[in-house]
C-alpha atoms as a PDB file:
ATOM      1  CA  UNK A   1       5.779 -11.554 -34.911  1.00  0.00           C
ATOM      2  CA  UNK A   2       9.557 -12.073 -35.056  1.00  0.00           C
ATOM      3  CA  UNK A   3      11.519 -11.068 -38.132  1.00  0.00           C
ATOM      4  CA  UNK A   4      12.721 -14.051 -40.142  1.00  0.00           C
ATOM      5  CA  UNK A   5      16.032 -12.510 -41.231  1.00  0.00           C
ATOM      6  CA  UNK A   6      17.660 -12.930 -37.804  1.00  0.00           C
ATOM      7  CA  UNK A   7      18.160 -16.554 -36.782  1.00  0.00           C
ATOM      8  CA  UNK A   8      18.777 -17.798 -33.243  1.00  0.00           C
ATOM      9  CA  UNK A   9      19.199 -21.563 -32.958  1.00  0.00           C
ATOM     10  CA  UNK A  10      19.488 -22.220 -29.208  1.00  0.00           C
ATOM     11  CA  UNK A  11      17.937 -20.385 -26.267  1.00  0.00           C
ATOM     12  CA  UNK A  12      21.425 -19.955 -24.786  1.00  0.00           C
ATOM     13  CA  UNK A  13      22.668 -18.018 -27.854  1.00  0.00           C
ATOM     14  CA  UNK A  14      23.515 -14.364 -27.314  1.00  0.00           C
ATOM     15  CA  UNK A  15      24.026 -13.671 -31.025  1.00  0.00           C
ATOM     16  CA  UNK A  16      21.823 -14.139 -34.081  1.00  0.00           C
ATOM     17  CA  UNK A  17      22.878 -14.833 -37.647  1.00  0.00           C
ATOM     18  CA  UNK A  18      21.806 -12.209 -40.182  1.00  0.00           C
ATOM     19  CA  UNK A  19      20.029 -13.852 -43.149  1.00  0.00           C
ATOM     20  CA  UNK A  20      20.044 -10.724 -45.300  1.00  0.00           C
ATOM     21  CA  UNK A  21      22.007  -7.485 -45.326  1.00  0.00           C
ATOM     22  CA  UNK A  22      20.729  -5.149 -42.601  1.00  0.00           C
ATOM     23  CA  UNK A  23      21.296  -1.432 -42.232  1.00  0.00           C
ATOM     24  CA  UNK A  24      22.222   0.659 -39.234  1.00  0.00           C
ATOM     25  CA  UNK A  25      19.240   1.754 -37.144  1.00  0.00           C
ATOM     26  CA  UNK A  26      16.950  -1.045 -38.384  1.00  0.00           C
ATOM     27  CA  UNK A  27      14.781  -2.407 -35.597  1.00  0.00           C
ATOM     28  CA  UNK A  28      14.120  -6.134 -35.532  1.00  0.00           C
ATOM     29  CA  UNK A  29      12.202  -8.589 -33.380  1.00  0.00           C
ATOM     30  CA  UNK A  30      14.227 -11.710 -32.594  1.00  0.00           C
ATOM     31  CA  UNK A  31      12.680 -14.950 -31.347  1.00  0.00           C
ATOM     32  CA  UNK A  32      14.642 -16.644 -28.560  1.00  0.00           C
ATOM     33  CA  UNK A  33      12.687 -19.681 -27.424  1.00  0.00           C
ATOM     34  CA  UNK A  34       9.294 -18.405 -26.255  1.00  0.00           C
ATOM     35  CA  UNK A  35      10.581 -14.836 -25.891  1.00  0.00           C
ATOM     36  CA  UNK A  36      10.703 -12.106 -28.540  1.00  0.00           C
ATOM     37  CA  UNK A  37      13.400  -9.466 -28.110  1.00  0.00           C
ATOM     38  CA  UNK A  38      13.545  -6.178 -29.976  1.00  0.00           C
ATOM     39  CA  UNK A  39      16.964  -4.895 -31.005  1.00  0.00           C
ATOM     40  CA  UNK A  40      18.145  -1.907 -33.003  1.00  0.00           C
ATOM     41  CA  UNK A  41      21.042  -2.722 -35.295  1.00  0.00           C
ATOM     42  CA  UNK A  42      23.960  -0.375 -34.564  1.00  0.00           C
ATOM     43  CA  UNK A  43      25.725  -0.567 -37.943  1.00  0.00           C
ATOM     44  CA  UNK A  44      25.362  -2.122 -41.386  1.00  0.00           C
ATOM     45  CA  UNK A  45      25.774  -5.911 -41.139  1.00  0.00           C
ATOM     46  CA  UNK A  46      26.278  -8.174 -44.147  1.00  0.00           C
ATOM     47  CA  UNK A  47      24.437 -11.425 -44.808  1.00  0.00           C
ATOM     48  CA  UNK A  48      25.849 -14.325 -42.786  1.00  0.00           C
ATOM     49  CA  UNK A  49      27.424 -12.222 -40.049  1.00  0.00           C
ATOM     50  CA  UNK A  50      26.366 -12.064 -36.410  1.00  0.00           C
ATOM     51  CA  UNK A  51      24.552  -9.461 -34.314  1.00  0.00           C
ATOM     52  CA  UNK A  52      24.387  -9.376 -30.519  1.00  0.00           C
ATOM     53  CA  UNK A  53      20.859  -9.948 -29.222  1.00  0.00           C
ATOM     54  CA  UNK A  54      21.781  -8.925 -25.681  1.00  0.00           C
ATOM     55  CA  UNK A  55      24.591  -7.021 -24.011  1.00  0.00           C
ATOM     56  CA  UNK A  56      27.745  -9.145 -23.726  1.00  0.00           C
ATOM     57  CA  UNK A  57      30.259  -7.764 -21.215  1.00  0.00           C
ATOM     58  CA  UNK A  58      33.983  -7.939 -21.960  1.00  0.00           C
ATOM     59  CA  UNK A  59      35.318 -11.400 -21.065  1.00  0.00           C
ATOM     60  CA  UNK A  60      31.935 -13.143 -21.275  1.00  0.00           C
ATOM     61  CA  UNK A  61      31.388 -16.119 -23.551  1.00  0.00           C
ATOM     62  CA  UNK A  62      29.794 -15.561 -26.967  1.00  0.00           C
ATOM     63  CA  UNK A  63      27.336 -18.336 -27.843  1.00  0.00           C
ATOM     64  CA  UNK A  64      26.142 -19.303 -31.331  1.00  0.00           C
ATOM     65  CA  UNK A  65      24.271 -22.561 -32.072  1.00  0.00           C
ATOM     66  CA  UNK A  66      24.427 -23.279 -28.337  1.00  0.00           C
ATOM     67  CA  UNK A  67      28.233 -23.444 -28.429  1.00  0.00           C
ATOM     68  CA  UNK A  68      30.946 -21.101 -27.255  1.00  0.00           C
ATOM     69  CA  UNK A  69      32.595 -19.398 -30.246  1.00  0.00           C
ATOM     70  CA  UNK A  70      34.863 -17.164 -28.178  1.00  0.00           C
ATOM     71  CA  UNK A  71      35.033 -14.422 -25.595  1.00  0.00           C
ATOM     72  CA  UNK A  72      34.045 -10.776 -25.894  1.00  0.00           C
ATOM     73  CA  UNK A  73      37.279  -8.782 -26.190  1.00  0.00           C
ATOM     74  CA  UNK A  74      35.353  -5.606 -25.369  1.00  0.00           C
ATOM     75  CA  UNK A  75      31.854  -4.780 -24.161  1.00  0.00           C
ATOM     76  CA  UNK A  76      29.354  -5.646 -26.909  1.00  0.00           C
ATOM     77  CA  UNK A  77      25.946  -3.973 -26.843  1.00  0.00           C
ATOM     78  CA  UNK A  78      22.749  -5.561 -28.131  1.00  0.00           C
ATOM     79  CA  UNK A  79      22.538  -4.637 -31.827  1.00  0.00           C
ATOM     80  CA  UNK A  80      26.319  -4.533 -32.374  1.00  0.00           C
ATOM     81  CA  UNK A  81      27.972  -6.570 -35.117  1.00  0.00           C
ATOM     82  CA  UNK A  82      29.861  -9.507 -33.590  1.00  0.00           C
ATOM     83  CA  UNK A  83      33.037 -10.433 -35.446  1.00  0.00           C
ATOM     84  CA  UNK A  84      36.820 -10.670 -35.037  1.00  0.00           C
ATOM     85  CA  UNK A  85      37.076  -7.013 -33.956  1.00  0.00           C
ATOM     86  CA  UNK A  86      35.228  -7.707 -30.691  1.00  0.00           C
ATOM     87  CA  UNK A  87      35.551 -11.482 -30.113  1.00  0.00           C
ATOM     88  CA  UNK A  88      38.617 -13.571 -29.307  1.00  0.00           C
ATOM     89  CA  UNK A  89      37.921 -16.942 -30.900  1.00  0.00           C
ATOM     90  CA  UNK A  90      38.476 -20.122 -28.919  1.00  0.00           C
ATOM     91  CA  UNK A  91      38.296 -22.492 -31.911  1.00  0.00           C
ATOM     92  CA  UNK A  92      41.389 -24.617 -32.300  1.00  0.00           C
ATOM     93  CA  UNK A  93      43.013 -23.022 -29.251  1.00  0.00           C
ATOM     94  CA  UNK A  94      44.869 -25.898 -27.626  1.00  0.00           C
ATOM     95  CA  UNK A  95      46.322 -23.431 -25.156  1.00  0.00           C
ATOM     96  CA  UNK A  96      42.783 -22.869 -23.842  1.00  0.00           C
ATOM     97  CA  UNK A  97      41.848 -26.572 -23.678  1.00  0.00           C
ATOM     98  CA  UNK A  98      40.953 -27.763 -20.207  1.00  0.00           C
ATOM     99  CA  UNK A  99      41.718 -31.129 -18.630  1.00  0.00           C
ATOM    100  CA  UNK A 100      40.231 -34.018 -20.560  1.00  0.00           C
ATOM    101  CA  UNK A 101      39.902 -32.090 -23.816  1.00  0.00           C
ATOM    102  CA  UNK A 102      41.677 -33.001 -27.028  1.00  0.00           C
ATOM    103  CA  UNK A 103      45.348 -32.093 -27.139  1.00  0.00           C
ATOM    104  CA  UNK A 104      47.805 -31.963 -30.028  1.00  0.00           C
ATOM    105  CA  UNK A 105      49.659 -35.209 -30.681  1.00  0.00           C
ATOM    106  CA  UNK A 106      53.430 -34.994 -31.073  1.00  0.00           C
ATOM    107  CA  UNK A 107      55.205 -37.874 -32.821  1.00  0.00           C
END
C-alpha cells in the first residue's frame, strides 16, 4: 500500500510533493498511476517540498502536476530533494519561450 505523505498527481511526474516532514533514509512507497515505486529519501525534506521518484539526468525536464517546472541542472537521483539547488526553473522565462508562446509586450 502506498504511503499517503508523498503525492504524485500525473503519471508523467518524476517528482512527488512531500505532505509531511520526512527524514533522511526513510523508505516510502509512491503510487504512480497503477505502479507503486519504492524510494529511499536521501536527506531531510520539509513539508511541501519535492522529492525525485526516479533518476532525472542533468538537462532532463522535471515534471510536477504533469507540467514542466524546469530542467535538472545536475543529475538527480531517486530520493533526492528537488529544489532550486538542482533545477533551473523555466517559469516566466521569455528567453526560453518557443514559437507561438506568449511573449512580453513592449509599448
